[in-house]
C-alpha cells in the first residue's frame, strides 16, 4: 500500500496546521496554545476520548476501531515543543515569537500525527484501539518521562508504542530505522575547580586553576581514547570554561567547566561518569587544588525493540517501498522513556535537502507530510488488521 490517497487530499489542511504551529512556537511545557489546538482538532475529528494535562501539557486522543476482538492498543507519539533559537528562514509563516522557533520539526511531527488521527477517526479500519500521544518538552524537559510518570501507559492500556522524527539529508518521505540502541544517553556535568588565586606576575605563589582546567580538558578525552572499548561509542565534550576573574593580571581562584557525555550503553554510561569524577578530582589534586563534580543524568539510551523495529520497517516499506538502515545517533531523544515502559520502535522520515535540525535556517519539509501520516496510519492498520 503506497502513500494513502486521503493524505494527498488532506495535505493543504495538514500543511496549514503545521505552518500555524510553526508561527506560534512554544518552549518545553509551555505548549498551551499548541496543546489547545491539538485537543480541539482531535475533538473535531470525532476521537472517542480526548484527555489533556498529562505530563503537565500533554494531550492524548483515543480512537477505537470498528471492532475490538484482539483487545490490542497501539500508541503513536509526536512531540510539540520548539527551541530557544532566533529563526532565520525568511518564510512568510516564520516564528512570531522572538528567540523561539521550531528548529527541530516538531511542528511537522504534530501536524502529521493530527493528519493520521483524522484519517483513523474517519475510517476506523482496524481491530483495536489507537492512542495518539502529543508530548511537550522533548527538548530537554523530559516530557516523555512525565507523561509516563502520570500513568499514561496504564491509563490507556497501551501495549506497544511508536514514534517518528524527520531527518534532513534523506530524501523527503523516505524512511530509515535500526534495532537496538539508536539514540544516545545525554548526560551533563559541572566541574568546579578551586586553587589559590593571586597576581599573574607571581604564579609561584598561586595554585593556578587555569592551568589545572587546561590539563583537565585534555585528560577527560582519555575516557574515550583509553577507558572505552574502541567499539563502544562515547563522546565527552567540555563546552564551557568560566573563570572567577576576568582581569588580565589575575590568576583566578576558581574555574567552572560544563559539558556533556553521550553514550550508547548502560555500562559505558556508568564508566564515563566514574572516570570523569576520578580524573577531575585527581587532576586537581596533582596541582594542589580540589575539584567538585556534579554529574546530571539526562535522557537514557533510546533502544528500539528488535521485533517491533521490523514491524515499523515493514510499515515504512508499505508506504515508501523501502526502509534503509539508519546510523547510530549521538543526539538524545526522550522517547527513550516510553520505550522503557513499553516495547516499540522509533523511525526516521526524510526531510530532504534542508538545513540540519537545531539550525536557525531549518524548516520542516511539507513534502514529507503524506509519507509521515501514512506511516502512522499504517502502523495501526498493520498491527491491528480489521477483523
Protein backbone atom coordinates (compact mmCIF):
# COMPACT_ATOMS: atom_id res chain seq x y z
CA UNK A 1 0.00 0.00 0.00
CA UNK A 2 1.66 3.28 -1.09
CA UNK A 3 1.07 6.71 0.43
CA UNK A 4 -2.63 6.83 1.21
CA UNK A 5 -4.67 8.94 -1.21
CA UNK A 6 -6.58 10.55 1.65
CA UNK A 7 -3.40 12.29 2.83
CA UNK A 8 -2.85 13.81 -0.59
CA UNK A 9 -6.36 15.26 -0.27
CA UNK A 10 -5.68 16.44 3.28
CA UNK A 11 -2.22 17.88 2.50
CA UNK A 12 -3.37 21.53 2.23
CA UNK A 13 -5.11 21.29 5.62
CA UNK A 14 -2.25 19.48 7.34
CA UNK A 15 0.25 21.95 5.88
CA UNK A 16 -1.85 24.84 7.20
CA UNK A 17 -1.92 23.29 10.68
CA UNK A 18 1.85 22.79 10.56
CA UNK A 19 2.55 26.35 9.48
CA UNK A 20 0.22 27.77 12.12
CA UNK A 21 2.09 25.82 14.80
CA UNK A 22 5.37 27.00 13.27
CA UNK A 23 4.30 30.65 13.53
CA UNK A 24 3.44 30.21 17.22
CA UNK A 25 6.29 28.15 18.76
CA UNK A 26 6.30 27.32 22.46
CA UNK A 27 9.05 26.02 24.72
CA UNK A 28 9.22 22.98 26.98
CA UNK A 29 5.98 22.53 28.98
CA UNK A 30 4.56 25.91 27.95
CA UNK A 31 2.81 24.42 24.90
CA UNK A 32 -0.55 25.83 25.98
CA UNK A 33 -1.65 27.16 22.59
CA UNK A 34 -0.37 24.11 20.71
CA UNK A 35 -1.95 21.69 23.19
CA UNK A 36 -5.27 23.50 22.93
CA UNK A 37 -5.11 23.41 19.13
CA UNK A 38 -4.36 19.67 19.21
CA UNK A 39 -7.19 18.93 21.66
CA UNK A 40 -9.67 20.97 19.60
CA UNK A 41 -8.69 19.18 16.39
CA UNK A 42 -8.97 15.73 17.99
CA UNK A 43 -12.45 16.56 19.27
CA UNK A 44 -13.41 17.93 15.85
CA UNK A 45 -12.21 14.69 14.23
CA UNK A 46 -14.53 12.69 16.48
CA UNK A 47 -11.98 10.92 18.66
CA UNK A 48 -13.71 8.77 21.29
CA UNK A 49 -11.83 10.41 24.13
CA UNK A 50 -9.51 13.42 24.40
CA UNK A 51 -7.55 13.93 27.62
CA UNK A 52 -5.40 16.95 28.39
CA UNK A 53 -2.95 17.76 31.17
CA UNK A 54 -0.96 14.50 31.03
CA UNK A 55 2.69 15.28 31.69
CA UNK A 56 1.53 18.83 32.51
CA UNK A 57 0.54 19.92 28.98
CA UNK A 58 0.43 16.65 27.04
CA UNK A 59 -2.65 15.61 25.07
CA UNK A 60 -3.89 12.07 24.39
CA UNK A 61 -6.60 11.06 21.95
CA UNK A 62 -8.33 7.67 21.83
CA UNK A 63 -9.69 6.24 18.56
CA UNK A 64 -11.49 2.90 18.66
CA UNK A 65 -11.59 0.67 15.61
CA UNK A 66 -14.69 -0.87 14.11
CA UNK A 67 -14.05 -3.99 16.15
CA UNK A 68 -12.01 -4.90 19.22
CA UNK A 69 -11.74 -8.66 19.18
CA UNK A 70 -7.98 -8.81 19.88
CA UNK A 71 -8.09 -6.14 22.64
CA UNK A 72 -4.89 -4.58 21.28
CA UNK A 73 -3.87 -0.96 21.96
CA UNK A 74 -1.21 0.85 19.89
CA UNK A 75 0.32 4.20 20.90
CA UNK A 76 1.61 6.76 18.37
CA UNK A 77 3.65 9.70 19.66
CA UNK A 78 4.59 13.17 18.35
CA UNK A 79 6.40 16.00 20.17
CA UNK A 80 5.12 19.60 20.22
CA UNK A 81 7.78 21.92 21.69
CA UNK A 82 10.15 24.34 19.97
CA UNK A 83 13.70 25.60 20.66
CA UNK A 84 15.17 28.86 22.04
CA UNK A 85 16.66 29.88 18.67
CA UNK A 86 16.14 33.04 16.61
CA UNK A 87 14.62 31.99 13.28
CA UNK A 88 16.42 32.92 10.05
CA UNK A 89 14.34 31.09 7.44
CA UNK A 90 12.65 34.13 5.92
CA UNK A 91 9.43 32.18 5.29
CA UNK A 92 6.13 34.05 5.43
CA UNK A 93 4.92 31.89 8.32
CA UNK A 94 8.11 32.35 10.37
CA UNK A 95 8.03 32.47 14.16
CA UNK A 96 6.15 35.41 15.64
CA UNK A 97 7.92 34.89 18.98
CA UNK A 98 11.39 36.46 19.21
CA UNK A 99 14.10 33.99 20.14
CA UNK A 100 11.89 30.90 19.75
CA UNK A 101 11.43 28.72 16.67
CA UNK A 102 10.51 25.23 15.51
CA UNK A 103 14.08 24.33 14.60
CA UNK A 104 13.63 20.57 15.03
CA UNK A 105 10.45 19.90 13.08
CA UNK A 106 8.15 19.15 15.99
CA UNK A 107 5.56 21.30 14.21
CA UNK A 108 5.70 18.76 11.39
CA UNK A 109 5.53 15.78 13.73
CA UNK A 110 2.45 17.19 15.45
CA UNK A 111 0.73 18.02 12.17
CA UNK A 112 1.43 14.57 10.71
CA UNK A 113 0.02 12.79 13.74
CA UNK A 114 -3.03 15.06 13.62
CA UNK A 115 -3.48 14.09 9.98
CA UNK A 116 -3.20 10.41 10.86
CA UNK A 117 -5.71 10.86 13.70
CA UNK A 118 -8.21 12.47 11.34
CA UNK A 119 -7.86 9.59 8.88
CA UNK A 120 -8.10 6.91 11.58
CA UNK A 121 -11.18 8.54 13.11
CA UNK A 122 -12.81 8.68 9.67
CA UNK A 123 -12.04 5.14 8.55
CA UNK A 124 -11.64 3.12 11.78
CA UNK A 125 -10.48 0.26 9.57
CA UNK A 126 -8.72 -1.63 12.35
CA UNK A 127 -9.44 -4.08 15.17
CA UNK A 128 -8.41 -2.48 18.45
CA UNK A 129 -7.64 0.97 19.84
CA UNK A 130 -5.26 3.65 18.57
CA UNK A 131 -3.93 6.13 21.12
CA UNK A 132 -2.37 9.31 19.70
CA UNK A 133 0.10 10.96 22.07
CA UNK A 134 1.13 14.62 21.79
CA UNK A 135 4.05 15.30 24.10
CA UNK A 136 5.52 18.56 25.40
CA UNK A 137 9.11 19.23 26.48
CA UNK A 138 11.15 16.85 24.37
CA UNK A 139 13.90 19.45 24.04
CA UNK A 140 15.48 18.94 27.44
CA UNK A 141 12.43 18.91 29.69
CA UNK A 142 11.74 15.20 29.80
CA UNK A 143 8.09 15.47 28.83
CA UNK A 144 8.04 11.81 27.82
CA UNK A 145 9.14 10.81 31.29
CA UNK A 146 6.47 12.98 32.89
CA UNK A 147 3.71 11.54 30.72
CA UNK A 148 4.83 8.04 31.72
CA UNK A 149 5.04 9.03 35.40
CA UNK A 150 1.45 10.29 35.13
CA UNK A 151 0.47 6.71 34.31
CA UNK A 152 -0.30 7.22 30.64
CA UNK A 153 0.60 3.69 29.56
CA UNK A 154 -1.57 2.11 32.25
CA UNK A 155 -4.47 4.57 31.97
CA UNK A 156 -4.93 3.98 28.25
CA UNK A 157 -3.80 0.34 28.25
CA UNK A 158 -1.05 1.00 25.70
CA UNK A 159 0.72 -2.25 24.77
CA UNK A 160 3.24 -1.00 22.22
CA UNK A 161 4.33 2.47 21.17
CA UNK A 162 5.88 4.08 18.08
CA UNK A 163 7.48 7.43 17.31
CA UNK A 164 8.98 9.30 14.36
CA UNK A 165 11.47 12.09 13.66
CA UNK A 166 12.23 13.94 10.46
CA UNK A 167 15.79 13.66 9.16
CA UNK A 168 17.44 16.32 6.95
CA UNK A 169 19.72 14.90 4.26
CA UNK A 170 17.48 11.94 3.48
CA UNK A 171 15.08 12.14 0.50
CA UNK A 172 11.76 13.58 1.61
CA UNK A 173 9.36 10.82 2.58
CA UNK A 174 11.96 8.04 2.70
CA UNK A 175 12.49 6.01 5.88
CA UNK A 176 15.36 4.60 7.94
CA UNK A 177 15.47 2.66 11.20
CA UNK A 178 17.73 0.38 13.24
CA UNK A 179 17.12 -2.14 16.03
CA UNK A 180 18.72 -1.87 19.47
CA UNK A 181 20.48 1.22 20.79
CA UNK A 182 19.65 4.08 18.42
CA UNK A 183 19.90 7.48 20.14
CA UNK A 184 22.43 8.18 22.89
CA UNK A 185 22.04 8.81 26.59
CA UNK A 186 22.52 12.55 27.17
CA UNK A 187 24.24 13.48 30.43
CA UNK A 188 25.67 16.80 31.61
CA UNK A 189 28.35 17.73 34.10
CA UNK A 190 29.57 20.66 36.15
CA UNK A 191 33.15 20.63 37.43
CA UNK A 192 34.13 23.27 40.00
CA UNK A 193 37.89 23.68 40.38
CA UNK A 194 39.41 25.65 43.24
CA UNK A 195 43.04 26.57 43.77
CA UNK A 196 44.67 29.71 45.16
CA UNK A 197 44.27 32.92 43.23
CA UNK A 198 46.84 35.66 43.02
CA UNK A 199 48.79 38.10 40.90
CA UNK A 200 49.60 36.86 37.41
CA UNK A 201 53.16 38.17 37.78
CA UNK A 202 53.69 35.85 40.77
CA UNK A 203 52.34 32.48 39.58
CA UNK A 204 54.61 30.62 42.04
CA UNK A 205 52.50 31.99 44.87
CA UNK A 206 49.28 30.58 43.41
CA UNK A 207 47.64 27.28 42.63
CA UNK A 208 46.69 28.10 39.07
CA UNK A 209 43.20 26.90 38.20
CA UNK A 210 43.52 27.88 34.54
CA UNK A 211 46.47 25.50 34.11
CA UNK A 212 44.53 22.90 36.12
CA UNK A 213 41.49 23.32 33.87
CA UNK A 214 43.58 23.16 30.70
CA UNK A 215 45.13 19.85 31.71
CA UNK A 216 41.72 18.54 32.77
CA UNK A 217 40.05 19.29 29.43
CA UNK A 218 42.68 17.16 27.71
CA UNK A 219 42.73 14.46 30.38
CA UNK A 220 38.98 13.93 30.10
CA UNK A 221 39.48 12.82 26.48
CA UNK A 222 41.32 9.74 27.76
CA UNK A 223 37.90 8.40 28.77
CA UNK A 224 37.26 7.99 25.04
CA UNK A 225 40.78 7.06 23.95
CA UNK A 226 41.96 4.88 26.85
CA UNK A 227 39.00 3.78 29.01
CA UNK A 228 36.29 2.95 26.48
CA UNK A 229 36.29 -0.18 24.38
CA UNK A 230 37.10 1.13 20.87
CA UNK A 231 33.88 -0.39 19.51
CA UNK A 232 31.70 1.24 22.19
CA UNK A 233 30.63 4.79 21.30
CA UNK A 234 31.19 7.62 23.78
CA UNK A 235 31.55 11.39 23.45
CA UNK A 236 32.94 13.65 26.19
CA UNK A 237 32.75 17.35 25.35
CA UNK A 238 33.72 20.26 27.58
CA UNK A 239 31.62 23.11 26.24
CA UNK A 240 32.17 25.96 28.70
CA UNK A 241 35.11 27.22 30.78
CA UNK A 242 34.38 30.15 33.08
CA UNK A 243 36.90 31.65 35.48
CA UNK A 244 36.16 33.64 38.61
CA UNK A 245 38.28 36.52 37.30
CA UNK A 246 38.11 38.38 34.00
CA UNK A 247 41.22 40.53 34.54
CA UNK A 248 44.43 40.28 32.51
CA UNK A 249 46.67 40.20 35.57
CA UNK A 250 44.79 37.93 37.98
CA UNK A 251 45.10 34.16 38.30
CA UNK A 252 41.57 33.08 39.27
CA UNK A 253 40.70 31.31 42.48
CA UNK A 254 38.02 29.20 40.76
CA UNK A 255 37.13 27.76 37.37
CA UNK A 256 33.79 26.24 36.37
CA UNK A 257 33.65 23.74 33.49
CA UNK A 258 30.48 22.47 31.86
CA UNK A 259 29.93 19.78 29.30
CA UNK A 260 28.10 16.74 28.05
CA UNK A 261 28.65 12.98 27.87
CA UNK A 262 26.93 10.83 25.23
CA UNK A 263 26.88 7.03 25.45
CA UNK A 264 25.02 4.13 23.87
CA UNK A 265 25.13 1.54 26.64
CA UNK A 266 24.40 1.46 30.35
CA UNK A 267 27.86 0.11 31.20
CA UNK A 268 29.63 2.81 29.19
CA UNK A 269 27.42 5.45 30.77
CA UNK A 270 28.40 4.34 34.28
CA UNK A 271 32.08 4.04 33.34
CA UNK A 272 32.13 7.54 31.84
CA UNK A 273 30.57 9.04 34.96
CA UNK A 274 33.04 7.21 37.23
CA UNK A 275 36.12 8.15 35.24
CA UNK A 276 35.04 11.77 34.74
CA UNK A 277 34.75 12.18 38.50
CA UNK A 278 38.04 10.42 39.24
CA UNK A 279 40.05 12.25 36.57
CA UNK A 280 38.68 15.62 37.67
CA UNK A 281 39.47 15.09 41.32
CA UNK A 282 42.90 13.58 40.73
CA UNK A 283 43.98 16.16 38.14
CA UNK A 284 43.07 18.94 40.53
CA UNK A 285 44.99 17.19 43.32
CA UNK A 286 48.14 16.94 41.18
CA UNK A 287 48.22 20.75 41.02
CA UNK A 288 47.33 21.18 44.68
CA UNK A 289 43.72 22.11 44.09
CA UNK A 290 40.35 20.45 44.57
CA UNK A 291 37.51 19.52 42.22
CA UNK A 292 33.82 19.16 42.97
CA UNK A 293 31.92 17.24 40.30
CA UNK A 294 28.16 17.27 39.76
CA UNK A 295 27.01 14.74 37.18
CA UNK A 296 23.47 15.07 35.85
CA UNK A 297 21.94 12.01 34.19
CA UNK A 298 19.60 13.08 31.41
CA UNK A 299 17.73 11.02 28.83
CA UNK A 300 18.63 7.31 28.78
CA UNK A 301 19.75 5.43 25.70
CA UNK A 302 16.82 5.07 23.32
CA UNK A 303 16.58 1.38 22.43
CA UNK A 304 14.37 0.06 19.63
CA UNK A 305 12.92 -3.37 20.38
CA UNK A 306 14.01 -5.85 17.71
CA UNK A 307 10.67 -7.39 16.67
CA UNK A 308 8.84 -4.07 16.81
CA UNK A 309 11.56 -2.40 14.75
CA UNK A 310 10.75 -4.86 11.99
CA UNK A 311 7.03 -4.06 12.32
CA UNK A 312 7.89 -0.36 11.88
CA UNK A 313 10.18 -1.09 8.93
CA UNK A 314 7.50 -3.21 7.24
CA UNK A 315 5.02 -0.34 7.56
CA UNK A 316 7.58 2.02 6.03
CA UNK A 317 8.14 -0.36 3.13
CA UNK A 318 4.39 -0.46 2.52
CA UNK A 319 4.34 3.34 2.34
CA UNK A 320 7.61 4.17 0.59
CA UNK A 321 8.72 0.90 -0.99
CA UNK A 322 11.90 0.69 1.06
CA UNK A 323 13.33 1.29 4.52
CA UNK A 324 17.06 1.84 4.98
CA UNK A 325 19.30 1.10 7.93
CA UNK A 326 19.71 4.26 9.99
CA UNK A 327 23.03 5.32 11.54
CA UNK A 328 23.66 5.46 15.25
CA UNK A 329 22.81 8.91 16.58
CA UNK A 330 24.74 10.54 19.44
CA UNK A 331 21.94 13.05 19.98
CA UNK A 332 19.32 12.32 22.62
CA UNK A 333 15.60 11.57 22.38
CA UNK A 334 13.22 11.33 25.33
CA UNK A 335 11.01 8.83 23.51
CA UNK A 336 13.51 6.58 25.30
CA UNK A 337 11.33 6.83 28.42
CA UNK A 338 8.31 5.49 26.57
CA UNK A 339 10.35 2.63 25.11
CA UNK A 340 11.46 1.74 28.63
CA UNK A 341 7.79 1.41 29.60
CA UNK A 342 6.52 -0.44 26.53
CA UNK A 343 8.01 -2.27 23.53
CA UNK A 344 8.05 -0.37 20.28
CA UNK A 345 10.28 1.50 17.85
CA UNK A 346 11.31 4.92 16.56
CA UNK A 347 11.81 5.66 12.86
CA UNK A 348 13.32 8.47 10.77
CA UNK A 349 11.48 10.06 7.84
CA UNK A 350 13.49 12.01 5.28
CA UNK A 351 13.19 15.81 5.28
CA UNK A 352 15.04 16.40 2.01
CA UNK A 353 17.96 18.73 1.39
CA UNK A 354 17.31 21.20 4.21
CA UNK A 355 19.39 22.82 6.93
CA UNK A 356 20.07 20.50 9.82
CA UNK A 357 17.87 20.42 12.90
CA UNK A 358 18.65 22.98 15.62
CA UNK A 359 19.89 25.43 12.96
CA UNK A 360 18.27 28.88 12.57
CA UNK A 361 17.62 28.21 8.87
CA UNK A 362 16.00 24.80 9.38
CA UNK A 363 12.41 24.31 8.25
CA UNK A 364 10.27 21.18 8.16
CA UNK A 365 9.64 19.98 4.60
CA UNK A 366 5.90 19.77 3.91
CA UNK A 367 6.60 17.29 1.11
CA UNK A 368 7.26 14.68 3.83
CA UNK A 369 3.76 15.01 5.28
CA UNK A 370 1.90 12.37 3.21
CA UNK A 371 4.54 9.70 3.90
CA UNK A 372 4.69 10.50 7.62
CA UNK A 373 0.91 10.46 8.02
CA UNK A 374 0.70 7.23 6.05
CA UNK A 375 3.31 5.53 8.22
CA UNK A 376 1.47 6.45 11.42
CA UNK A 377 -1.80 5.13 9.98
CA UNK A 378 -0.14 2.03 8.53
CA UNK A 379 1.29 1.14 11.97
CA UNK A 380 -2.26 0.99 13.33
CA UNK A 381 -3.78 -0.85 10.39
CA UNK A 382 -0.94 -3.37 10.09
CA UNK A 383 -0.59 -4.13 13.81
CA UNK A 384 -4.36 -4.26 14.31
CA UNK A 385 -5.78 -5.52 11.00
CA UNK A 386 -9.53 -5.27 10.61
CA UNK A 387 -11.32 -8.41 11.80
